[in-house]
Amino acid sequence: MLKFWLRIYSNGKMITDTVCDADEKLSAQKMLEDCLRKCCYELDIPNPMIMKKHVNDIKQYSLTRFLPDDFPESVDFERVEINIFDSSKKK
């Protein structure tokens, strides 16, 4: 099962994080949109604007970063990092 891990950093330290399930049937962009919406709601932060760079990073590295300029509202943290990982155990 794919998991989506969102972490918020301020002053070089992680201040909070959350994990949600990712729907493997969705495209990378739809998965990113869906999981971001869930996680941002849970952490009460605005949803960032998703650019082509973010989708490409998720596809290639299973990691992307959002900076304060990516948010339509002002935020009080320095970045948001997102990882997608497989939580199923290998046999």
C-alpha atoms as a PDB file:
ATOM      1  CA  MET A   1       0.000   0.000   0.000  1.00  0.00           C
ATOM      2  CA  LEU A   2       1.314   3.424  -0.883  1.00  0.00           C
ATOM      3  CA  LYS A   3       1.577   6.033   1.852  1.00  0.00           C
ATOM      4  CA  PHE A   4       1.960   9.773   1.521  1.00  0.00           C
ATOM      5  CA  TRP A   5       4.136  11.444   4.183  1.00  0.00           C
ATOM      6  CA  LEU A   6       3.961  15.230   4.501  1.00  0.00           C
ATOM      7  CA  ARG A   7       6.419  17.075   6.749  1.00  0.00           C
ATOM      8  CA  ILE A   8       6.568  20.786   7.603  1.00  0.00           C
ATOM      9  CA  TYR A   9       9.937  22.385   8.359  1.00  0.00           C
ATOM     10  CA  SER A  10      10.736  25.664  10.069  1.00  0.00           C
ATOM     11  CA  ASN A  11      14.219  26.910  10.980  1.00  0.00           C
ATOM     12  CA  GLY A  12      15.727  23.691   9.615  1.00  0.00           C
ATOM     13  CA  LYS A  13      13.702  21.423  11.927  1.00  0.00           C
ATOM     14  CA  MET A  14      10.629  19.328  11.308  1.00  0.00           C
ATOM     15  CA  ILE A  15       7.779  20.866  13.302  1.00  0.00           C
ATOM     16  CA  THR A  16       4.931  18.550  12.339  1.00  0.00           C
ATOM     17  CA  ASP A  17       4.025  15.725   9.987  1.00  0.00           C
ATOM     18  CA  THR A  18       1.161  13.516   8.887  1.00  0.00           C
ATOM     19  CA  VAL A  19       0.681  10.352   6.843  1.00  0.00           C
ATOM     20  CA  CYS A  20      -2.241   9.363   4.649  1.00  0.00           C
ATOM     21  CA  ASP A  21      -3.031   6.506   2.270  1.00  0.00           C
ATOM     22  CA  ALA A  22      -2.466   7.092  -1.438  1.00  0.00           C
ATOM     23  CA  ASP A  23      -4.701   5.584  -4.110  1.00  0.00           C
ATOM     24  CA  GLU A  24      -2.360   3.599  -6.372  1.00  0.00           C
ATOM     25  CA  LYS A  25      -4.902   3.628  -9.205  1.00  0.00           C
ATOM     26  CA  LEU A  26      -4.589   7.387  -9.689  1.00  0.00           C
ATOM     27  CA  SER A  27      -2.043   9.140 -11.873  1.00  0.00           C
ATOM     28  CA  ALA A  28       0.893  10.803 -10.110  1.00  0.00           C
ATOM     29  CA  GLN A  29      -0.703  14.240 -10.425  1.00  0.00           C
ATOM     30  CA  LYS A  30      -4.119  13.148  -9.159  1.00  0.00           C
ATOM     31  CA  MET A  31      -2.520  11.206  -6.304  1.00  0.00           C
ATOM     32  CA  LEU A  32      -0.495  14.274  -5.309  1.00  0.00           C
ATOM     33  CA  GLU A  33      -3.588  16.524  -5.465  1.00  0.00           C
ATOM     34  CA  ASP A  34      -5.746  14.109  -3.481  1.00  0.00           C
ATOM     35  CA  CYS A  35      -3.195  13.425  -0.741  1.00  0.00           C
ATOM     36  CA  LEU A  36      -2.166  17.071  -0.451  1.00  0.00           C
ATOM     37  CA  ARG A  37      -5.787  18.086   0.037  1.00  0.00           C
ATOM     38  CA  LYS A  38      -6.237  15.513   2.833  1.00  0.00           C
ATOM     39  CA  CYS A  39      -2.953  16.299   4.612  1.00  0.00           C
ATOM     40  CA  CYS A  40      -3.261  20.082   4.342  1.00  0.00           C
ATOM     41  CA  TYR A  41      -6.784  19.905   5.763  1.00  0.00           C
ATOM     42  CA  GLU A  42      -5.573  17.748   8.651  1.00  0.00           C
ATOM     43  CA  LEU A  43      -2.696  20.142   9.453  1.00  0.00           C
ATOM     44  CA  ASP A  44      -4.806  23.260   8.799  1.00  0.00           C
ATOM     45  CA  ILE A  45      -2.471  24.767   6.202  1.00  0.00           C
ATOM     46  CA  PRO A  46      -3.371  26.147   2.751  1.00  0.00           C
ATOM     47  CA  ASN A  47      -3.059  23.897  -0.289  1.00  0.00           C
ATOM     48  CA  PRO A  48       0.024  24.709  -2.376  1.00  0.00           C
ATOM     49  CA  MET A  49      -0.065  25.220  -6.125  1.00  0.00           C
ATOM     50  CA  ILE A  50       1.108  22.057  -7.864  1.00  0.00           C
ATOM     51  CA  MET A  51       3.491  22.718 -10.731  1.00  0.00           C
ATOM     52  CA  LYS A  52       4.780  20.331 -13.378  1.00  0.00           C
ATOM     53  CA  LYS A  53       8.096  20.225 -11.478  1.00  0.00           C
ATOM     54  CA  HIS A  54       6.361  18.779  -8.378  1.00  0.00           C
ATOM     55  CA  VAL A  55       4.632  16.040 -10.390  1.00  0.00           C
ATOM     56  CA  ASN A  56       7.877  15.156 -12.200  1.00  0.00           C
ATOM     57  CA  ASP A  57       9.780  14.993  -8.886  1.00  0.00           C
ATOM     58  CA  ILE A  58       7.157  12.667  -7.377  1.00  0.00           C
ATOM     59  CA  LYS A  59       7.293  10.399 -10.441  1.00  0.00           C
ATOM     60  CA  GLN A  60      11.079  10.296 -10.575  1.00  0.00           C
ATOM     61  CA  TYR A  61      12.175  10.495  -6.929  1.00  0.00           C
ATOM     62  CA  SER A  62       9.002   9.830  -4.857  1.00  0.00           C
ATOM     63  CA  LEU A  63       9.845  13.158  -3.192  1.00  0.00           C
ATOM     64  CA  THR A  64       8.963  16.798  -3.781  1.00  0.00           C
ATOM     65  CA  ARG A  65       9.237  20.083  -1.890  1.00  0.00           C
ATOM     66  CA  PHE A  66       6.961  23.089  -1.677  1.00  0.00           C
ATOM     67  CA  LEU A  67       8.401  26.473  -0.698  1.00  0.00           C
ATOM     68  CA  PRO A  68       6.435  29.469   0.665  1.00  0.00           C
ATOM     69  CA  ASP A  69       6.179  30.910  -2.881  1.00  0.00           C
ATOM     70  CA  ASP A  70       4.162  27.823  -3.903  1.00  0.00           C
ATOM     71  CA  PHE A  71       1.338  28.735  -1.507  1.00  0.00           C
ATOM     72  CA  PRO A  72      -1.368  31.263  -2.455  1.00  0.00           C
ATOM     73  CA  GLU A  73      -1.451  32.526   1.140  1.00  0.00           C
ATOM     74  CA  SER A  74       1.449  33.526   3.348  1.00  0.00           C
ATOM     75  CA  VAL A  75       2.778  30.701   5.523  1.00  0.00           C
ATOM     76  CA  ASP A  76       5.011  30.702   8.592  1.00  0.00           C
ATOM     77  CA  PHE A  77       7.261  27.767   7.671  1.00  0.00           C
ATOM     78  CA  GLU A  78      10.202  27.397   5.303  1.00  0.00           C
ATOM     79  CA  ARG A  79       9.175  24.292   3.328  1.00  0.00           C
ATOM     80  CA  VAL A  80       6.906  21.282   3.025  1.00  0.00           C
ATOM     81  CA  GLU A  81       8.427  17.971   1.973  1.00  0.00           C
ATOM     82  CA  ILE A  82       6.423  15.070   0.632  1.00  0.00           C
ATOM     83  CA  ASN A  83       7.444  11.442   0.206  1.00  0.00           C
ATOM     84  CA  ILE A  84       5.455   8.609  -1.284  1.00  0.00           C
ATOM     85  CA  PHE A  85       6.514   5.164  -0.097  1.00  0.00           C
ATOM     86  CA  ASP A  86       5.293   1.587  -0.161  1.00  0.00           C
ATOM     87  CA  SER A  87       4.358   0.399   3.325  1.00  0.00           C
ATOM     88  CA  SER A  88       3.789  -3.235   2.383  1.00  0.00           C
ATOM     89  CA  LYS A  89       6.382  -5.650   3.712  1.00  0.00           C
ATOM     90  CA  LYS A  90       8.531  -7.511   1.229  1.00  0.00           C
ATOM     91  CA  LYS A  91       8.382 -11.285   1.504  1.00  0.00           C
END
